[in-house]
């Protein structure tokens, strides 16, 4: 009887482990001027906040030397959370020196691995101020591709460049694409309609993700800027959420020094 119980328990464990092994969670976070000004305490807080995700896409990494240094420091902080992490950082985007930035990817090596090397999308680099950074990852025997993007500010009409994202699925027809990042527009904007009609729904609807300058009657969120758009034919979105990290700070100004955006995440599996 005891042996049967052990076998049953082990079988249940294998089923649960197998199911867990076939899904993955991607986090996207605009980390606001991510460079040498980030303190070790802030980096440790960021690592603690995202340590349970499998892939992390970071936008707004400083283009100068402080950006890569901060990325390496964050990777060290992640490695101190109990799992092994690796990372890649992009070259500076093609924009002018005032808006040039980098992107970064981090991933938990026990959950996924990089396929080839990440790249900045070059076909539309003249149309996109900060061209997306793409990386392919393994999920079991399957692959998915994360497209990390930081649009120009809303005052500069980000729809004029977001419209080019609809052409990327045709550029990578074999890839299971996941668009993520700070779009500086809500998903309800008509510029996303072609992407949605092509089978890329948004993970969030009516979800604010950027922080106000200060909370107003307990309301600390400003705009619906950060999101995921995923290829529904190849990906099954299990759930998506945001992290209200600022509630960990007694001083809202100190929270904004970490970032003026919430981290957003999406757990998904790949369809057959």
Protein backbone atom coordinates (compact mmCIF):
# COMPACT_ATOMS: atom_id res chain seq x y z
CA UNK A 1 0.00 0.00 0.00
CA UNK A 2 2.80 2.37 0.93
CA UNK A 3 4.61 1.57 -2.35
CA UNK A 4 1.44 2.33 -4.32
CA UNK A 5 1.13 5.64 -2.47
CA UNK A 6 4.73 6.52 -3.29
CA UNK A 7 4.27 5.58 -6.95
CA UNK A 8 1.06 7.64 -7.16
CA UNK A 9 2.72 10.62 -5.49
CA UNK A 10 5.71 10.38 -7.79
CA UNK A 11 3.44 10.13 -10.84
CA UNK A 12 1.53 13.24 -9.77
CA UNK A 13 4.85 15.04 -9.22
CA UNK A 14 6.02 14.08 -12.73
CA UNK A 15 2.78 15.32 -14.29
CA UNK A 16 2.95 18.63 -12.41
CA UNK A 17 6.65 19.03 -13.22
CA UNK A 18 6.03 18.21 -16.88
CA UNK A 19 3.24 20.79 -17.13
CA UNK A 20 5.35 23.42 -15.36
CA UNK A 21 8.31 22.68 -17.62
CA UNK A 22 6.20 23.40 -20.70
CA UNK A 23 5.18 26.91 -19.70
CA UNK A 24 7.29 29.98 -19.12
CA UNK A 25 6.90 33.47 -17.71
CA UNK A 26 8.31 36.54 -19.43
CA UNK A 27 8.62 39.84 -17.55
CA UNK A 28 9.03 43.23 -19.22
CA UNK A 29 10.18 46.30 -17.31
CA UNK A 30 11.14 49.82 -18.32
CA UNK A 31 13.74 50.53 -15.64
CA UNK A 32 14.04 54.30 -16.11
CA UNK A 33 17.56 55.51 -16.94
CA UNK A 34 19.03 52.16 -16.04
CA UNK A 35 22.70 52.94 -15.50
CA UNK A 36 25.32 53.85 -12.94
CA UNK A 37 22.89 55.84 -10.77
CA UNK A 38 21.19 52.62 -9.65
CA UNK A 39 22.47 51.71 -6.20
CA UNK A 40 23.31 48.21 -4.99
CA UNK A 41 20.24 48.38 -2.75
CA UNK A 42 18.00 49.25 -5.70
CA UNK A 43 19.52 46.47 -7.82
CA UNK A 44 18.96 43.95 -5.03
CA UNK A 45 15.33 45.11 -4.82
CA UNK A 46 14.88 44.76 -8.60
CA UNK A 47 16.40 41.27 -8.52
CA UNK A 48 14.10 40.23 -5.68
CA UNK A 49 11.10 41.61 -7.57
CA UNK A 50 11.75 39.65 -10.78
CA UNK A 51 13.54 36.53 -9.52
CA UNK A 52 10.53 34.25 -10.00
CA UNK A 53 10.23 34.94 -13.74
CA UNK A 54 12.09 33.02 -16.43
CA UNK A 55 12.93 35.70 -18.99
CA UNK A 56 13.21 39.42 -18.30
CA UNK A 57 13.19 42.09 -21.02
CA UNK A 58 14.50 45.47 -19.84
CA UNK A 59 14.01 48.75 -21.67
CA UNK A 60 15.66 52.14 -21.16
CA UNK A 61 19.18 50.93 -20.44
CA UNK A 62 21.59 53.88 -20.63
CA UNK A 63 23.59 53.90 -23.88
CA UNK A 64 26.87 54.97 -22.23
CA UNK A 65 29.23 52.73 -20.23
CA UNK A 66 27.03 52.93 -17.14
CA UNK A 67 24.29 50.94 -18.90
CA UNK A 68 26.24 47.72 -19.53
CA UNK A 69 27.80 48.00 -16.08
CA UNK A 70 24.36 48.22 -14.44
CA UNK A 71 23.13 45.24 -16.46
CA UNK A 72 26.11 43.16 -15.30
CA UNK A 73 25.51 44.24 -11.70
CA UNK A 74 21.85 43.27 -11.93
CA UNK A 75 22.82 39.87 -13.32
CA UNK A 76 25.12 39.40 -10.31
CA UNK A 77 22.25 40.38 -8.00
CA UNK A 78 19.97 37.86 -9.75
CA UNK A 79 22.57 35.13 -9.31
CA UNK A 80 22.48 35.80 -5.58
CA UNK A 81 18.74 35.04 -5.43
CA UNK A 82 19.28 31.27 -5.64
CA UNK A 83 19.20 30.54 -9.38
CA UNK A 84 21.68 30.84 -12.24
CA UNK A 85 21.03 33.67 -14.70
CA UNK A 86 22.62 34.82 -17.94
CA UNK A 87 22.12 38.00 -19.95
CA UNK A 88 22.70 39.86 -23.19
CA UNK A 89 22.71 43.60 -23.82
CA UNK A 90 22.13 45.35 -27.14
CA UNK A 91 24.29 47.90 -28.85
CA UNK A 92 22.95 51.44 -28.74
CA UNK A 93 19.86 52.01 -30.87
CA UNK A 94 20.04 54.00 -34.10
CA UNK A 95 18.43 57.10 -32.64
CA UNK A 96 20.26 60.36 -32.03
CA UNK A 97 22.43 60.74 -28.96
CA UNK A 98 19.63 62.35 -26.96
CA UNK A 99 17.32 59.34 -27.20
CA UNK A 100 19.80 56.53 -27.89
CA UNK A 101 19.33 53.61 -25.50
CA UNK A 102 20.11 49.94 -25.07
CA UNK A 103 17.96 46.93 -24.26
CA UNK A 104 18.79 43.88 -22.15
CA UNK A 105 17.55 40.31 -21.76
CA UNK A 106 18.06 38.15 -18.67
CA UNK A 107 17.06 34.49 -18.46
CA UNK A 108 17.08 31.73 -15.88
CA UNK A 109 19.34 29.05 -17.34
CA UNK A 110 17.47 26.19 -15.65
CA UNK A 111 14.25 27.16 -17.45
CA UNK A 112 15.36 28.23 -20.91
CA UNK A 113 18.36 28.88 -23.11
CA UNK A 114 19.23 31.38 -25.78
CA UNK A 115 19.06 30.30 -29.43
CA UNK A 116 21.74 32.16 -31.38
CA UNK A 117 22.39 35.77 -30.44
CA UNK A 118 19.86 38.60 -29.93
CA UNK A 119 19.75 41.38 -32.51
CA UNK A 120 18.46 44.87 -33.06
CA UNK A 121 15.91 44.92 -35.88
CA UNK A 122 17.58 46.75 -38.75
CA UNK A 123 14.98 46.72 -41.52
CA UNK A 124 12.98 49.58 -40.01
CA UNK A 125 15.73 51.29 -38.03
CA UNK A 126 15.18 54.52 -39.96
CA UNK A 127 11.46 54.50 -39.16
CA UNK A 128 11.83 53.41 -35.51
CA UNK A 129 13.67 55.74 -33.18
CA UNK A 130 14.70 52.85 -30.92
CA UNK A 131 14.45 49.73 -33.06
CA UNK A 132 13.31 46.56 -31.23
CA UNK A 133 15.70 44.04 -29.70
CA UNK A 134 14.84 40.41 -30.51
CA UNK A 135 15.95 37.15 -28.91
CA UNK A 136 15.00 33.52 -29.51
CA UNK A 137 14.60 31.18 -26.53
CA UNK A 138 13.92 27.46 -26.12
CA UNK A 139 10.89 26.01 -24.35
CA UNK A 140 11.39 22.26 -24.37
CA UNK A 141 11.86 21.37 -28.02
CA UNK A 142 10.04 24.51 -29.15
CA UNK A 143 11.13 28.11 -29.52
CA UNK A 144 9.67 31.56 -28.97
CA UNK A 145 10.98 35.00 -29.88
CA UNK A 146 10.69 38.03 -27.62
CA UNK A 147 10.52 41.45 -29.33
CA UNK A 148 11.40 44.13 -26.77
CA UNK A 149 10.48 47.69 -27.76
CA UNK A 150 10.53 51.19 -26.29
CA UNK A 151 8.46 53.67 -28.30
CA UNK A 152 9.06 57.40 -28.45
CA UNK A 153 7.14 59.49 -25.86
CA UNK A 154 3.43 60.12 -26.35
CA UNK A 155 4.05 63.81 -27.11
CA UNK A 156 6.10 62.73 -30.15
CA UNK A 157 3.29 60.54 -31.54
CA UNK A 158 4.53 56.98 -31.02
CA UNK A 159 1.83 55.69 -33.39
CA UNK A 160 3.96 56.97 -36.28
CA UNK A 161 6.52 54.26 -35.51
CA UNK A 162 4.45 51.58 -33.76
CA UNK A 163 2.64 51.01 -37.08
CA UNK A 164 5.78 49.32 -38.41
CA UNK A 165 5.55 46.51 -35.85
CA UNK A 166 2.74 44.95 -37.90
CA UNK A 167 5.30 44.06 -40.59
CA UNK A 168 7.60 42.04 -38.33
CA UNK A 169 5.51 38.81 -38.35
CA UNK A 170 6.05 38.62 -42.13
CA UNK A 171 9.79 39.12 -41.57
CA UNK A 172 9.87 36.17 -39.15
CA UNK A 173 7.08 33.81 -40.30
CA UNK A 174 8.54 30.77 -38.53
CA UNK A 175 8.88 32.50 -35.13
CA UNK A 176 6.38 32.49 -32.28
CA UNK A 177 6.56 36.21 -31.57
CA UNK A 178 5.89 37.96 -28.27
CA UNK A 179 5.98 41.76 -28.51
CA UNK A 180 6.58 43.48 -25.18
CA UNK A 181 7.77 46.77 -23.77
CA UNK A 182 6.77 50.36 -23.22
CA UNK A 183 4.60 51.46 -26.14
CA UNK A 184 3.68 54.86 -24.66
CA UNK A 185 0.14 54.26 -25.91
CA UNK A 186 -2.81 52.21 -24.62
CA UNK A 187 -3.63 48.97 -26.45
CA UNK A 188 -6.99 50.49 -27.39
CA UNK A 189 -5.27 52.88 -29.83
CA UNK A 190 -6.13 52.11 -33.45
CA UNK A 191 -2.45 51.75 -34.39
CA UNK A 192 -2.52 48.28 -32.80
CA UNK A 193 -5.54 47.13 -34.84
CA UNK A 194 -3.50 45.64 -37.73
CA UNK A 195 -1.42 43.65 -35.26
CA UNK A 196 -4.54 42.41 -33.48
CA UNK A 197 -6.24 41.49 -36.76
CA UNK A 198 -3.14 39.50 -37.67
CA UNK A 199 -3.71 37.36 -34.57
CA UNK A 200 -1.73 39.24 -31.93
CA UNK A 201 -4.07 40.18 -29.07
CA UNK A 202 -2.96 42.28 -26.11
CA UNK A 203 -2.36 40.59 -22.78
CA UNK A 204 -3.84 43.59 -20.90
CA UNK A 205 -6.92 45.70 -21.35
CA UNK A 206 -7.49 48.85 -19.28
CA UNK A 207 -4.40 48.16 -17.16
CA UNK A 208 -2.40 51.22 -16.13
CA UNK A 209 1.33 50.54 -15.84
CA UNK A 210 3.14 53.88 -15.46
CA UNK A 211 3.46 55.80 -12.19
CA UNK A 212 2.14 59.25 -11.44
CA UNK A 213 4.47 61.92 -10.11
CA UNK A 214 2.63 61.47 -6.83
CA UNK A 215 -0.34 59.42 -5.65
CA UNK A 216 -3.76 61.09 -5.66
CA UNK A 217 -6.18 59.67 -3.09
CA UNK A 218 -4.33 56.36 -3.20
CA UNK A 219 -4.26 56.23 -7.01
CA UNK A 220 -0.61 55.98 -8.03
CA UNK A 221 -0.93 54.83 -11.64
CA UNK A 222 -1.07 57.09 -14.68
CA UNK A 223 -1.25 55.44 -18.12
CA UNK A 224 -1.72 52.14 -19.97
CA UNK A 225 1.70 52.01 -21.63
CA UNK A 226 3.28 48.59 -21.05
CA UNK A 227 1.85 45.43 -22.59
CA UNK A 228 2.37 42.18 -24.47
CA UNK A 229 1.07 41.34 -27.94
CA UNK A 230 1.46 37.63 -28.60
CA UNK A 231 0.89 35.28 -31.53
CA UNK A 232 -2.30 33.56 -30.47
CA UNK A 233 -1.96 30.79 -33.07
CA UNK A 234 1.31 29.59 -31.53
CA UNK A 235 1.08 30.80 -27.91
CA UNK A 236 -1.46 30.16 -25.19
CA UNK A 237 -1.55 32.97 -22.63
CA UNK A 238 -2.19 31.35 -19.24
CA UNK A 239 -2.33 34.63 -17.34
CA UNK A 240 -0.76 38.08 -17.23
CA UNK A 241 -0.22 40.51 -14.39
CA UNK A 242 1.57 43.56 -13.03
CA UNK A 243 3.68 44.08 -9.91
CA UNK A 244 2.81 47.07 -7.71
CA UNK A 245 6.40 47.28 -6.49
CA UNK A 246 5.97 50.84 -5.17
CA UNK A 247 3.90 49.55 -2.25
CA UNK A 248 7.17 48.25 -0.76
CA UNK A 249 8.39 51.82 -0.29
CA UNK A 250 7.17 54.15 2.45
CA UNK A 251 8.29 57.06 0.23
CA UNK A 252 6.77 57.13 -3.27
CA UNK A 253 9.65 59.29 -4.51
CA UNK A 254 12.08 56.52 -3.56
CA UNK A 255 9.99 54.01 -5.52
CA UNK A 256 10.17 56.22 -8.60
CA UNK A 257 13.97 56.17 -8.38
CA UNK A 258 13.74 52.45 -9.16
CA UNK A 259 11.35 53.03 -12.06
CA UNK A 260 8.37 55.05 -13.19
CA UNK A 261 6.81 51.90 -14.71
CA UNK A 262 5.46 48.70 -13.22
CA UNK A 263 7.00 45.39 -14.26
CA UNK A 264 4.48 43.44 -16.33
CA UNK A 265 4.56 39.69 -16.89
CA UNK A 266 2.88 36.98 -18.95
CA UNK A 267 2.89 33.22 -18.40
CA UNK A 268 2.31 31.16 -21.52
CA UNK A 269 2.74 27.79 -23.16
CA UNK A 270 3.48 27.04 -26.80
CA UNK A 271 0.81 25.32 -28.87
CA UNK A 272 1.53 22.22 -30.90
